[in-house]
Amino acid sequence: MRRGWALALATAGAVALAGSGYAVGEQKDGPAGPSCADVRQRTEGVFGEWSRLDKDDAMRPVKVRQAADIVLVHGDCFPFTTRSAARAAVQQLDVSGDSTAMQLAAGLVVCEAVVADLSSCLTGAH
């Protein structure tokens, strides 16, 4: 039960950061905000971190949610299919509970929609 609360709090923090359009250390001044290249690079960086985590690590769904939120907040930087994959992953994470398999599937959906090198998405599936 404690793991569930910790995961919920960490997810809420990631959602708050991504949902407000801020990423620690990457907020740009002015109304323009980050460029799409910066947004894509940040999202791929989150999946780089995700792929290095053990499949049972409680931070994996948090990283997926963080990446999905970045895609949804900066939707104009991504094609419709990527935004749809992010929405689907968020819904899957919401119903996954402690199911590692469902969390991994959600991560793969977004990773494959965002990351240019699809083979890097599978490195975390060990």
C-alpha atoms as a PDB file:
ATOM      1  CA  MET A   1       0.000   0.000   0.000  1.00  0.00           C
ATOM      2  CA  ARG A   2       2.892   2.377   0.790  1.00  0.00           C
ATOM      3  CA  ARG A   3       4.293   1.797  -2.692  1.00  0.00           C
ATOM      4  CA  GLY A   4       0.964   2.833  -4.191  1.00  0.00           C
ATOM      5  CA  TRP A   5       0.916   6.101  -2.263  1.00  0.00           C
ATOM      6  CA  ALA A   6       4.539   6.850  -3.144  1.00  0.00           C
ATOM      7  CA  LEU A   7       3.810   6.167  -6.795  1.00  0.00           C
ATOM      8  CA  ALA A   8       0.701   8.341  -6.702  1.00  0.00           C
ATOM      9  CA  LEU A   9       2.591  11.236  -5.125  1.00  0.00           C
ATOM     10  CA  ALA A  10       5.496  10.939  -7.556  1.00  0.00           C
ATOM     11  CA  THR A  11       3.078  10.791 -10.482  1.00  0.00           C
ATOM     12  CA  ALA A  12       1.221  13.844  -9.216  1.00  0.00           C
ATOM     13  CA  GLY A  13       4.503  15.729  -9.027  1.00  0.00           C
ATOM     14  CA  ALA A  14       5.474  14.710 -12.557  1.00  0.00           C
ATOM     15  CA  VAL A  15       2.043  15.651 -13.857  1.00  0.00           C
ATOM     16  CA  ALA A  16       2.186  19.022 -12.117  1.00  0.00           C
ATOM     17  CA  LEU A  17       5.586  19.781 -13.614  1.00  0.00           C
ATOM     18  CA  ALA A  18       4.739  18.582 -17.107  1.00  0.00           C
ATOM     19  CA  GLY A  19       1.177  19.883 -17.039  1.00  0.00           C
ATOM     20  CA  SER A  20       2.267  23.400 -16.234  1.00  0.00           C
ATOM     21  CA  GLY A  21       4.711  23.418 -19.129  1.00  0.00           C
ATOM     22  CA  TYR A  22       7.747  23.542 -16.885  1.00  0.00           C
ATOM     23  CA  ALA A  23      10.627  21.132 -16.732  1.00  0.00           C
ATOM     24  CA  VAL A  24      13.140  21.772 -13.999  1.00  0.00           C
ATOM     25  CA  GLY A  25      16.074  23.634 -15.465  1.00  0.00           C
ATOM     26  CA  GLU A  26      14.544  23.882 -18.930  1.00  0.00           C
ATOM     27  CA  GLN A  27      11.922  26.628 -18.608  1.00  0.00           C
ATOM     28  CA  LYS A  28      12.587  29.392 -21.082  1.00  0.00           C
ATOM     29  CA  ASP A  29      11.591  32.976 -20.481  1.00  0.00           C
ATOM     30  CA  GLY A  30       9.015  34.616 -22.675  1.00  0.00           C
ATOM     31  CA  PRO A  31       5.745  33.520 -24.227  1.00  0.00           C
ATOM     32  CA  ALA A  32       7.366  31.333 -26.896  1.00  0.00           C
ATOM     33  CA  GLY A  33       8.484  28.647 -24.445  1.00  0.00           C
ATOM     34  CA  PRO A  34      10.625  25.743 -25.545  1.00  0.00           C
ATOM     35  CA  SER A  35      11.054  24.910 -29.207  1.00  0.00           C
ATOM     36  CA  CYS A  36       9.658  21.662 -30.574  1.00  0.00           C
ATOM     37  CA  ALA A  37      13.217  20.373 -30.936  1.00  0.00           C
ATOM     38  CA  ASP A  38      13.762  21.020 -27.208  1.00  0.00           C
ATOM     39  CA  VAL A  39      10.464  19.337 -26.329  1.00  0.00           C
ATOM     40  CA  ARG A  40      11.275  16.258 -28.417  1.00  0.00           C
ATOM     41  CA  GLN A  41      14.780  16.061 -26.961  1.00  0.00           C
ATOM     42  CA  ARG A  42      13.393  16.295 -23.418  1.00  0.00           C
ATOM     43  CA  THR A  43      10.815  13.590 -24.150  1.00  0.00           C
ATOM     44  CA  GLU A  44      13.422  11.272 -25.638  1.00  0.00           C
ATOM     45  CA  GLY A  45      15.592  11.935 -22.579  1.00  0.00           C
ATOM     46  CA  VAL A  46      12.782  10.776 -20.301  1.00  0.00           C
ATOM     47  CA  PHE A  47      12.538   7.557 -22.303  1.00  0.00           C
ATOM     48  CA  GLY A  48      16.300   7.154 -22.130  1.00  0.00           C
ATOM     49  CA  GLU A  49      15.972   7.188 -18.344  1.00  0.00           C
ATOM     50  CA  TRP A  50      12.938   4.868 -18.543  1.00  0.00           C
ATOM     51  CA  SER A  51      14.772   2.295 -20.643  1.00  0.00           C
ATOM     52  CA  ARG A  52      17.613   2.052 -18.110  1.00  0.00           C
ATOM     53  CA  LEU A  53      15.293   1.291 -15.174  1.00  0.00           C
ATOM     54  CA  ASP A  54      14.578  -2.256 -14.075  1.00  0.00           C
ATOM     55  CA  LYS A  55      11.151  -3.414 -15.236  1.00  0.00           C
ATOM     56  CA  ASP A  56       9.937  -3.662 -11.626  1.00  0.00           C
ATOM     57  CA  ASP A  57      11.174  -0.180 -10.685  1.00  0.00           C
ATOM     58  CA  ALA A  58       8.328   1.967  -9.321  1.00  0.00           C
ATOM     59  CA  MET A  59       9.667   4.976 -11.264  1.00  0.00           C
ATOM     60  CA  ARG A  60       8.924   3.389 -14.664  1.00  0.00           C
ATOM     61  CA  PRO A  61       5.235   4.377 -14.767  1.00  0.00           C
ATOM     62  CA  VAL A  62       6.158   7.829 -13.438  1.00  0.00           C
ATOM     63  CA  LYS A  63       8.596   8.318 -16.334  1.00  0.00           C
ATOM     64  CA  VAL A  64       5.984   7.137 -18.847  1.00  0.00           C
ATOM     65  CA  ARG A  65       3.423   9.511 -17.396  1.00  0.00           C
ATOM     66  CA  GLN A  66       5.953  12.355 -17.456  1.00  0.00           C
ATOM     67  CA  ALA A  67       6.747  11.730 -21.137  1.00  0.00           C
ATOM     68  CA  ALA A  68       3.069  11.364 -22.047  1.00  0.00           C
ATOM     69  CA  ASP A  69       2.238  14.616 -20.277  1.00  0.00           C
ATOM     70  CA  ILE A  70       4.999  16.436 -22.154  1.00  0.00           C
ATOM     71  CA  VAL A  71       3.539  15.149 -25.431  1.00  0.00           C
ATOM     72  CA  LEU A  72       0.021  16.196 -24.453  1.00  0.00           C
ATOM     73  CA  VAL A  73       1.032  19.647 -23.197  1.00  0.00           C
ATOM     74  CA  HIS A  74       3.133  20.335 -26.296  1.00  0.00           C
ATOM     75  CA  GLY A  75       0.817  18.566 -28.736  1.00  0.00           C
ATOM     76  CA  ASP A  76       1.627  20.950 -31.564  1.00  0.00           C
ATOM     77  CA  CYS A  77       5.150  19.468 -31.608  1.00  0.00           C
ATOM     78  CA  PHE A  78       3.906  15.924 -32.264  1.00  0.00           C
ATOM     79  CA  PRO A  79       1.750  14.260 -34.907  1.00  0.00           C
ATOM     80  CA  PHE A  80      -1.790  13.128 -34.130  1.00  0.00           C
ATOM     81  CA  THR A  81      -0.733   9.466 -33.806  1.00  0.00           C
ATOM     82  CA  THR A  82       1.822  10.347 -31.123  1.00  0.00           C
ATOM     83  CA  ARG A  83      -0.717  12.386 -29.160  1.00  0.00           C
ATOM     84  CA  SER A  84      -3.197   9.509 -29.435  1.00  0.00           C
ATOM     85  CA  ALA A  85      -0.588   7.050 -28.174  1.00  0.00           C
ATOM     86  CA  ALA A  86       0.139   9.340 -25.219  1.00  0.00           C
ATOM     87  CA  ARG A  87      -3.568   9.579 -24.339  1.00  0.00           C
ATOM     88  CA  ALA A  88      -3.934   5.794 -24.591  1.00  0.00           C
ATOM     89  CA  ALA A  89      -0.908   5.233 -22.370  1.00  0.00           C
ATOM     90  CA  VAL A  90      -2.226   7.615 -19.714  1.00  0.00           C
ATOM     91  CA  GLN A  91      -5.551   5.764 -19.702  1.00  0.00           C
ATOM     92  CA  GLN A  92      -3.750   2.422 -19.464  1.00  0.00           C
ATOM     93  CA  LEU A  93      -1.604   3.653 -16.575  1.00  0.00           C
ATOM     94  CA  ASP A  94      -4.732   4.872 -14.788  1.00  0.00           C
ATOM     95  CA  VAL A  95      -6.205   1.365 -14.793  1.00  0.00           C
ATOM     96  CA  SER A  96      -2.991  -0.668 -14.475  1.00  0.00           C
ATOM     97  CA  GLY A  97      -2.739  -0.646 -10.690  1.00  0.00           C
ATOM     98  CA  ASP A  98       0.374  -2.626  -9.772  1.00  0.00           C
ATOM     99  CA  SER A  99       0.402  -4.617 -13.006  1.00  0.00           C
ATOM    100  CA  THR A 100       3.974  -4.386 -14.303  1.00  0.00           C
ATOM    101  CA  ALA A 101       2.916  -5.873 -17.636  1.00  0.00           C
ATOM    102  CA  MET A 102       0.284  -3.175 -18.237  1.00  0.00           C
ATOM    103  CA  GLN A 103       2.686  -0.432 -17.157  1.00  0.00           C
ATOM    104  CA  LEU A 104       5.348  -1.770 -19.511  1.00  0.00           C
ATOM    105  CA  ALA A 105       2.838  -1.936 -22.359  1.00  0.00           C
ATOM    106  CA  ALA A 106       1.850   1.694 -21.743  1.00  0.00           C
ATOM    107  CA  GLY A 107       5.490   2.707 -21.804  1.00  0.00           C
ATOM    108  CA  LEU A 108       6.165   0.884 -25.040  1.00  0.00           C
ATOM    109  CA  VAL A 109       3.163   2.526 -26.701  1.00  0.00           C
ATOM    110  CA  VAL A 110       4.431   6.039 -25.989  1.00  0.00           C
ATOM    111  CA  CYS A 111       8.102   5.219 -26.471  1.00  0.00           C
ATOM    112  CA  GLU A 112       7.506   3.773 -29.928  1.00  0.00           C
ATOM    113  CA  ALA A 113       5.400   6.824 -30.840  1.00  0.00           C
ATOM    114  CA  VAL A 114       8.030   9.315 -29.669  1.00  0.00           C
ATOM    115  CA  VAL A 115      11.523   7.842 -30.005  1.00  0.00           C
ATOM    116  CA  ALA A 116      13.204   7.760 -33.395  1.00  0.00           C
ATOM    117  CA  ASP A 117      15.181   4.567 -32.669  1.00  0.00           C
ATOM    118  CA  LEU A 118      12.526   1.989 -31.790  1.00  0.00           C
ATOM    119  CA  SER A 119      15.104  -0.549 -30.650  1.00  0.00           C
ATOM    120  CA  SER A 120      15.926   1.765 -27.722  1.00  0.00           C
ATOM    121  CA  CYS A 121      12.362   1.286 -26.455  1.00  0.00           C
ATOM    122  CA  LEU A 122      12.950  -2.417 -25.968  1.00  0.00           C
ATOM    123  CA  THR A 123      16.100  -2.043 -23.879  1.00  0.00           C
ATOM    124  CA  GLY A 124      13.989  -1.472 -20.770  1.00  0.00           C
ATOM    125  CA  ALA A 125      11.914  -4.621 -21.318  1.00  0.00           C
ATOM    126  CA  HIS A 126      14.252  -7.023 -19.552  1.00  0.00           C
END
